[in-house]
């Protein structure tokens, strides 16, 4: 999805203003934040700022305080956010998003993919998180064109099939983590198909959540 309007960027920095805060470094610190949480109730703004070693700016609530870094040359933008809902203690969340001024689901993710999905995934497993492998979605039955023996185009009905979701869920105790990802290059013709992270979040684990 496109990055939000300029006015919605509390704590905005150009990348050359914070050269040590690369996308990979932000990702490493976010993983440290996740691992530092032994219980969900430890997920507070003060704790996020302490572990991330960053000052988040903006009003409490939703979308909440943020630390934003823009990469002007590539159009990419990454955002650390902390959100909470008053009176709903299980709605507190910290998240790291990789956004683009155009459509983040289509543009080349190489500038923000030094740490790819596999690096985040293996780090979470090493922390003792368990992946929710039971989560799948089903594509609807649909017609697929094919060429028959006479060289004519026909359409074959394909049944609904399970397929992996473009995100994964993990849990450790009462803590939930999730990752949304996509190929480095969206085009099916490209051989650069390693999965890159668009968003990683940590919050409360509920047994009934998908």
C-alpha atoms as a PDB file:
ATOM      1  CA  UNK A   1       0.000   0.000   0.000  1.00  0.00           C
ATOM      2  CA  UNK A   2       1.239   3.547  -0.595  1.00  0.00           C
ATOM      3  CA  UNK A   3       2.872   5.422   2.245  1.00  0.00           C
ATOM      4  CA  UNK A   4       0.471   7.757   4.066  1.00  0.00           C
ATOM      5  CA  UNK A   5       0.347  11.522   3.449  1.00  0.00           C
ATOM      6  CA  UNK A   6       3.225  13.677   4.707  1.00  0.00           C
ATOM      7  CA  UNK A   7       1.139  15.079   7.577  1.00  0.00           C
ATOM      8  CA  UNK A   8       0.847  11.592   9.077  1.00  0.00           C
ATOM      9  CA  UNK A   9       4.599  11.167   9.603  1.00  0.00           C
ATOM     10  CA  UNK A  10       5.378  11.936  13.246  1.00  0.00           C
ATOM     11  CA  UNK A  11       9.085  11.664  13.941  1.00  0.00           C
ATOM     12  CA  UNK A  12      10.085  11.770  10.253  1.00  0.00           C
ATOM     13  CA  UNK A  13      13.789  11.497   9.386  1.00  0.00           C
ATOM     14  CA  UNK A  14      15.631  11.337   6.087  1.00  0.00           C
ATOM     15  CA  UNK A  15      17.926   8.321   5.931  1.00  0.00           C
ATOM     16  CA  UNK A  16      21.072  10.471   5.785  1.00  0.00           C
ATOM     17  CA  UNK A  17      20.042  12.017   9.120  1.00  0.00           C
ATOM     18  CA  UNK A  18      20.096   8.592  10.794  1.00  0.00           C
ATOM     19  CA  UNK A  19      22.697   6.658   8.745  1.00  0.00           C
ATOM     20  CA  UNK A  20      23.022   3.933  11.371  1.00  0.00           C
ATOM     21  CA  UNK A  21      19.299   3.191  11.249  1.00  0.00           C
ATOM     22  CA  UNK A  22      19.178   1.151   8.040  1.00  0.00           C
ATOM     23  CA  UNK A  23      16.197  -1.099   7.260  1.00  0.00           C
ATOM     24  CA  UNK A  24      18.239  -4.109   8.404  1.00  0.00           C
ATOM     25  CA  UNK A  25      19.306  -2.421  11.652  1.00  0.00           C
ATOM     26  CA  UNK A  26      15.712  -1.439  12.363  1.00  0.00           C
ATOM     27  CA  UNK A  27      14.731  -5.060  11.767  1.00  0.00           C
ATOM     28  CA  UNK A  28      17.447  -6.401  14.066  1.00  0.00           C
ATOM     29  CA  UNK A  29      16.378  -4.066  16.857  1.00  0.00           C
ATOM     30  CA  UNK A  30      12.743  -5.012  16.372  1.00  0.00           C
ATOM     31  CA  UNK A  31      13.654  -8.674  16.763  1.00  0.00           C
ATOM     32  CA  UNK A  32      15.524  -7.756  19.963  1.00  0.00           C
ATOM     33  CA  UNK A  33      12.357  -6.040  21.153  1.00  0.00           C
ATOM     34  CA  UNK A  34      10.281  -9.148  20.487  1.00  0.00           C
ATOM     35  CA  UNK A  35      12.767 -11.398  22.262  1.00  0.00           C
ATOM     36  CA  UNK A  36      12.884  -9.064  25.277  1.00  0.00           C
ATOM     37  CA  UNK A  37       9.179  -9.667  25.974  1.00  0.00           C
ATOM     38  CA  UNK A  38       8.653 -12.495  28.425  1.00  0.00           C
ATOM     39  CA  UNK A  39       5.022 -11.464  28.946  1.00  0.00           C
ATOM     40  CA  UNK A  40       2.595  -9.437  26.881  1.00  0.00           C
ATOM     41  CA  UNK A  41       2.094  -6.867  29.658  1.00  0.00           C
ATOM     42  CA  UNK A  42       5.739  -5.832  29.224  1.00  0.00           C
ATOM     43  CA  UNK A  43       4.848  -4.331  25.837  1.00  0.00           C
ATOM     44  CA  UNK A  44       4.758  -0.643  26.763  1.00  0.00           C
ATOM     45  CA  UNK A  45       5.873   2.522  24.979  1.00  0.00           C
ATOM     46  CA  UNK A  46       8.731   3.025  27.438  1.00  0.00           C
ATOM     47  CA  UNK A  47       9.938  -0.536  26.885  1.00  0.00           C
ATOM     48  CA  UNK A  48       9.759  -0.194  23.100  1.00  0.00           C
ATOM     49  CA  UNK A  49      11.789   3.015  23.186  1.00  0.00           C
ATOM     50  CA  UNK A  50      14.338   1.526  25.592  1.00  0.00           C
ATOM     51  CA  UNK A  51      15.008  -1.623  23.560  1.00  0.00           C
ATOM     52  CA  UNK A  52      14.825   0.089  20.159  1.00  0.00           C
ATOM     53  CA  UNK A  53      16.966   2.988  21.444  1.00  0.00           C
ATOM     54  CA  UNK A  54      14.700   5.407  19.605  1.00  0.00           C
ATOM     55  CA  UNK A  55      12.322   8.198  20.603  1.00  0.00           C
ATOM     56  CA  UNK A  56       8.852   7.761  19.119  1.00  0.00           C
ATOM     57  CA  UNK A  57       6.796  10.881  18.462  1.00  0.00           C
ATOM     58  CA  UNK A  58       3.066  11.480  18.170  1.00  0.00           C
ATOM     59  CA  UNK A  59      -0.075  11.154  20.261  1.00  0.00           C
ATOM     60  CA  UNK A  60      -0.851   8.002  22.223  1.00  0.00           C
ATOM     61  CA  UNK A  61      -3.647   5.774  20.945  1.00  0.00           C
ATOM     62  CA  UNK A  62      -4.058   4.815  17.283  1.00  0.00           C
ATOM     63  CA  UNK A  63      -2.111   5.065  15.073  1.00  0.00           C
ATOM     64  CA  UNK A  64       0.081   6.126  17.989  1.00  0.00           C
ATOM     65  CA  UNK A  65       3.690   7.324  18.369  1.00  0.00           C
ATOM     66  CA  UNK A  66       6.074   6.557  15.506  1.00  0.00           C
ATOM     67  CA  UNK A  67       9.642   6.767  14.270  1.00  0.00           C
ATOM     68  CA  UNK A  68       9.786   7.183  10.489  1.00  0.00           C
ATOM     69  CA  UNK A  69      12.726   6.968   8.093  1.00  0.00           C
ATOM     70  CA  UNK A  70      12.475   7.913   4.424  1.00  0.00           C
ATOM     71  CA  UNK A  71      14.780   6.710   1.650  1.00  0.00           C
ATOM     72  CA  UNK A  72      14.333   9.513  -0.931  1.00  0.00           C
ATOM     73  CA  UNK A  73      16.200   7.852  -3.803  1.00  0.00           C
ATOM     74  CA  UNK A  74      14.260   4.587  -3.801  1.00  0.00           C
ATOM     75  CA  UNK A  75      10.905   5.908  -2.595  1.00  0.00           C
ATOM     76  CA  UNK A  76      10.877   3.444   0.299  1.00  0.00           C
ATOM     77  CA  UNK A  77       9.920   4.441   3.804  1.00  0.00           C
ATOM     78  CA  UNK A  78      10.022   2.407   7.005  1.00  0.00           C
ATOM     79  CA  UNK A  79       8.075   3.068  10.159  1.00  0.00           C
ATOM     80  CA  UNK A  80       8.257   1.849  13.728  1.00  0.00           C
ATOM     81  CA  UNK A  81       4.918   2.306  15.462  1.00  0.00           C
ATOM     82  CA  UNK A  82       3.349   1.690  18.852  1.00  0.00           C
ATOM     83  CA  UNK A  83      -0.447   1.635  19.139  1.00  0.00           C
ATOM     84  CA  UNK A  84      -2.885   1.028  21.969  1.00  0.00           C
ATOM     85  CA  UNK A  85      -6.597   1.359  22.675  1.00  0.00           C
ATOM     86  CA  UNK A  86      -7.745   2.876  25.950  1.00  0.00           C
ATOM     87  CA  UNK A  87      -9.680   0.377  28.041  1.00  0.00           C
ATOM     88  CA  UNK A  88      -8.654  -2.591  25.876  1.00  0.00           C
ATOM     89  CA  UNK A  89      -5.454  -3.974  27.338  1.00  0.00           C
ATOM     90  CA  UNK A  90      -5.152  -6.710  24.707  1.00  0.00           C
ATOM     91  CA  UNK A  91      -4.988  -4.238  21.797  1.00  0.00           C
ATOM     92  CA  UNK A  92      -1.457  -2.931  22.390  1.00  0.00           C
ATOM     93  CA  UNK A  93       0.877  -3.558  19.467  1.00  0.00           C
ATOM     94  CA  UNK A  94       4.308  -2.626  18.133  1.00  0.00           C
ATOM     95  CA  UNK A  95       4.972  -2.922  14.426  1.00  0.00           C
ATOM     96  CA  UNK A  96       7.595  -2.262  11.789  1.00  0.00           C
ATOM     97  CA  UNK A  97       6.233  -1.440   8.328  1.00  0.00           C
ATOM     98  CA  UNK A  98       8.007  -1.017   4.998  1.00  0.00           C
ATOM     99  CA  UNK A  99       6.011   1.360   2.804  1.00  0.00           C
ATOM    100  CA  UNK A 100       6.482   2.977  -0.595  1.00  0.00           C
ATOM    101  CA  UNK A 101       5.290   6.223  -2.136  1.00  0.00           C
ATOM    102  CA  UNK A 102       3.768   4.127  -4.930  1.00  0.00           C
ATOM    103  CA  UNK A 103       2.318   0.627  -4.518  1.00  0.00           C
ATOM    104  CA  UNK A 104       4.467  -1.328  -2.051  1.00  0.00           C
ATOM    105  CA  UNK A 105       2.986  -4.590  -3.308  1.00  0.00           C
ATOM    106  CA  UNK A 106       4.559  -4.093  -6.746  1.00  0.00           C
ATOM    107  CA  UNK A 107       7.816  -2.122  -6.586  1.00  0.00           C
ATOM    108  CA  UNK A 108      11.266  -3.703  -6.205  1.00  0.00           C
ATOM    109  CA  UNK A 109      11.905  -4.450  -2.516  1.00  0.00           C
ATOM    110  CA  UNK A 110      15.703  -4.828  -2.775  1.00  0.00           C
ATOM    111  CA  UNK A 111      16.415  -1.505  -0.972  1.00  0.00           C
ATOM    112  CA  UNK A 112      14.639  -2.763   2.179  1.00  0.00           C
ATOM    113  CA  UNK A 113      15.369  -6.491   1.891  1.00  0.00           C
ATOM    114  CA  UNK A 114      18.937  -6.871   3.186  1.00  0.00           C
ATOM    115  CA  UNK A 115      17.195  -8.891   5.902  1.00  0.00           C
ATOM    116  CA  UNK A 116      14.709 -11.093   4.108  1.00  0.00           C
ATOM    117  CA  UNK A 117      11.779 -13.121   5.409  1.00  0.00           C
ATOM    118  CA  UNK A 118      13.929 -16.170   6.137  1.00  0.00           C
ATOM    119  CA  UNK A 119      16.195 -14.134   8.452  1.00  0.00           C
ATOM    120  CA  UNK A 120      13.213 -12.906  10.490  1.00  0.00           C
ATOM    121  CA  UNK A 121      11.574 -16.336  10.434  1.00  0.00           C
ATOM    122  CA  UNK A 122      14.642 -18.197  11.687  1.00  0.00           C
ATOM    123  CA  UNK A 123      15.278 -15.556  14.362  1.00  0.00           C
ATOM    124  CA  UNK A 124      11.760 -15.992  15.764  1.00  0.00           C
ATOM    125  CA  UNK A 125      12.080 -19.776  15.790  1.00  0.00           C
ATOM    126  CA  UNK A 126      15.422 -19.472  17.610  1.00  0.00           C
ATOM    127  CA  UNK A 127      13.662 -17.363  20.262  1.00  0.00           C
ATOM    128  CA  UNK A 128      11.257 -20.208  20.938  1.00  0.00           C
ATOM    129  CA  UNK A 129       8.289 -18.938  18.919  1.00  0.00           C
ATOM    130  CA  UNK A 130       6.115 -21.555  17.265  1.00  0.00           C
ATOM    131  CA  UNK A 131       4.814 -20.997  13.759  1.00  0.00           C
ATOM    132  CA  UNK A 132       1.065 -21.340  13.179  1.00  0.00           C
ATOM    133  CA  UNK A 133       1.352 -23.819  10.324  1.00  0.00           C
ATOM    134  CA  UNK A 134      -2.378 -24.514  10.451  1.00  0.00           C
ATOM    135  CA  UNK A 135      -3.192 -21.260   8.696  1.00  0.00           C
ATOM    136  CA  UNK A 136      -3.989 -21.588   5.013  1.00  0.00           C
ATOM    137  CA  UNK A 137      -6.395 -19.861   2.669  1.00  0.00           C
ATOM    138  CA  UNK A 138      -8.256 -21.281  -0.307  1.00  0.00           C
ATOM    139  CA  UNK A 139      -8.345 -19.798  -3.757  1.00  0.00           C
ATOM    140  CA  UNK A 140     -11.804 -20.097  -5.290  1.00  0.00           C
ATOM    141  CA  UNK A 141     -12.496 -22.531  -8.106  1.00  0.00           C
ATOM    142  CA  UNK A 142     -11.725 -20.856 -11.391  1.00  0.00           C
ATOM    143  CA  UNK A 143     -11.300 -21.519 -15.107  1.00  0.00           C
ATOM    144  CA  UNK A 144      -7.810 -21.828 -16.593  1.00  0.00           C
ATOM    145  CA  UNK A 145      -7.245 -21.511 -20.365  1.00  0.00           C
ATOM    146  CA  UNK A 146      -5.244 -24.247 -22.124  1.00  0.00           C
ATOM    147  CA  UNK A 147      -4.534 -25.334 -25.684  1.00  0.00           C
ATOM    148  CA  UNK A 148      -5.981 -28.691 -26.719  1.00  0.00           C
ATOM    149  CA  UNK A 149      -4.486 -31.195 -29.186  1.00  0.00           C
ATOM    150  CA  UNK A 150      -6.136 -29.370 -32.104  1.00  0.00           C
ATOM    151  CA  UNK A 151      -4.483 -26.100 -31.139  1.00  0.00           C
ATOM    152  CA  UNK A 152      -7.747 -24.635 -29.883  1.00  0.00           C
ATOM    153  CA  UNK A 153      -8.111 -22.715 -26.640  1.00  0.00           C
ATOM    154  CA  UNK A 154     -10.357 -24.330 -24.061  1.00  0.00           C
ATOM    155  CA  UNK A 155     -11.065 -23.574 -20.416  1.00  0.00           C
ATOM    156  CA  UNK A 156     -10.726 -26.103 -17.630  1.00  0.00           C
ATOM    157  CA  UNK A 157     -12.426 -25.647 -14.251  1.00  0.00           C
ATOM    158  CA  UNK A 158      -9.871 -25.843 -11.440  1.00  0.00           C
ATOM    159  CA  UNK A 159     -11.161 -26.747  -7.951  1.00  0.00           C
ATOM    160  CA  UNK A 160     -10.449 -24.686  -4.866  1.00  0.00           C
ATOM    161  CA  UNK A 161      -6.944 -25.377  -3.606  1.00  0.00           C
ATOM    162  CA  UNK A 162      -5.190 -24.550  -0.332  1.00  0.00           C
ATOM    163  CA  UNK A 163      -2.316 -22.136  -0.720  1.00  0.00           C
ATOM    164  CA  UNK A 164       0.038 -20.454   1.749  1.00  0.00           C
ATOM    165  CA  UNK A 165      -1.026 -17.085   3.041  1.00  0.00           C
ATOM    166  CA  UNK A 166       1.315 -14.148   2.322  1.00  0.00           C
ATOM    167  CA  UNK A 167       1.866 -13.807   6.066  1.00  0.00           C
ATOM    168  CA  UNK A 168       2.790 -16.031   8.984  1.00  0.00           C
ATOM    169  CA  UNK A 169       1.774 -16.068  12.640  1.00  0.00           C
ATOM    170  CA  UNK A 170       3.896 -17.136  15.595  1.00  0.00           C
ATOM    171  CA  UNK A 171       3.316 -17.483  19.317  1.00  0.00           C
ATOM    172  CA  UNK A 172       5.336 -17.772  22.516  1.00  0.00           C
ATOM    173  CA  UNK A 173       3.294 -17.843  25.704  1.00  0.00           C
ATOM    174  CA  UNK A 174       0.803 -14.980  25.551  1.00  0.00           C
ATOM    175  CA  UNK A 175       2.805 -13.145  22.882  1.00  0.00           C
ATOM    176  CA  UNK A 176       1.927 -13.205  19.188  1.00  0.00           C
ATOM    177  CA  UNK A 177       4.152 -12.144  16.304  1.00  0.00           C
ATOM    178  CA  UNK A 178       3.180 -11.888  12.656  1.00  0.00           C
ATOM    179  CA  UNK A 179       5.007 -11.242   9.401  1.00  0.00           C
ATOM    180  CA  UNK A 180       3.557 -10.146   6.089  1.00  0.00           C
ATOM    181  CA  UNK A 181       5.778 -10.683   3.065  1.00  0.00           C
ATOM    182  CA  UNK A 182       5.968 -10.733  -0.738  1.00  0.00           C
ATOM    183  CA  UNK A 183       8.549 -11.600  -3.419  1.00  0.00           C
ATOM    184  CA  UNK A 184      11.457  -9.195  -3.837  1.00  0.00           C
ATOM    185  CA  UNK A 185      10.232  -8.537  -7.381  1.00  0.00           C
ATOM    186  CA  UNK A 186       6.514  -9.031  -7.932  1.00  0.00           C
ATOM    187  CA  UNK A 187       6.754 -10.048 -11.597  1.00  0.00           C
ATOM    188  CA  UNK A 188       6.331 -13.786 -12.166  1.00  0.00           C
ATOM    189  CA  UNK A 189       8.929 -13.547 -14.945  1.00  0.00           C
ATOM    190  CA  UNK A 190      11.663 -12.419 -12.534  1.00  0.00           C
ATOM    191  CA  UNK A 191      14.052 -14.900 -10.915  1.00  0.00           C
ATOM    192  CA  UNK A 192      14.398 -12.594  -7.881  1.00  0.00           C
ATOM    193  CA  UNK A 193      11.604 -14.237  -5.926  1.00  0.00           C
ATOM    194  CA  UNK A 194      13.031 -14.451  -2.397  1.00  0.00           C
ATOM    195  CA  UNK A 195      10.385 -13.361   0.145  1.00  0.00           C
ATOM    196  CA  UNK A 196      10.862  -9.900   1.648  1.00  0.00           C
ATOM    197  CA  UNK A 197       9.144  -8.519   4.737  1.00  0.00           C
ATOM    198  CA  UNK A 198       6.514  -5.813   4.339  1.00  0.00           C
ATOM    199  CA  UNK A 199       5.423  -5.792   7.973  1.00  0.00           C
ATOM    200  CA  UNK A 200       6.333  -7.457  11.258  1.00  0.00           C
ATOM    201  CA  UNK A 201       4.257  -6.936  14.393  1.00  0.00           C
ATOM    202  CA  UNK A 202       4.112  -8.130  17.987  1.00  0.00           C
ATOM    203  CA  UNK A 203       1.105  -8.125  20.304  1.00  0.00           C
ATOM    204  CA  UNK A 204      -1.232 -10.306  22.359  1.00  0.00           C
ATOM    205  CA  UNK A 205      -1.871 -13.950  21.512  1.00  0.00           C
ATOM    206  CA  UNK A 206      -5.524 -14.993  21.656  1.00  0.00           C
ATOM    207  CA  UNK A 207      -6.483 -18.622  21.195  1.00  0.00           C
ATOM    208  CA  UNK A 208      -9.371 -17.703  18.932  1.00  0.00           C
ATOM    209  CA  UNK A 209      -7.357 -15.495  16.600  1.00  0.00           C
ATOM    210  CA  UNK A 210      -6.816 -16.853  13.066  1.00  0.00           C
END
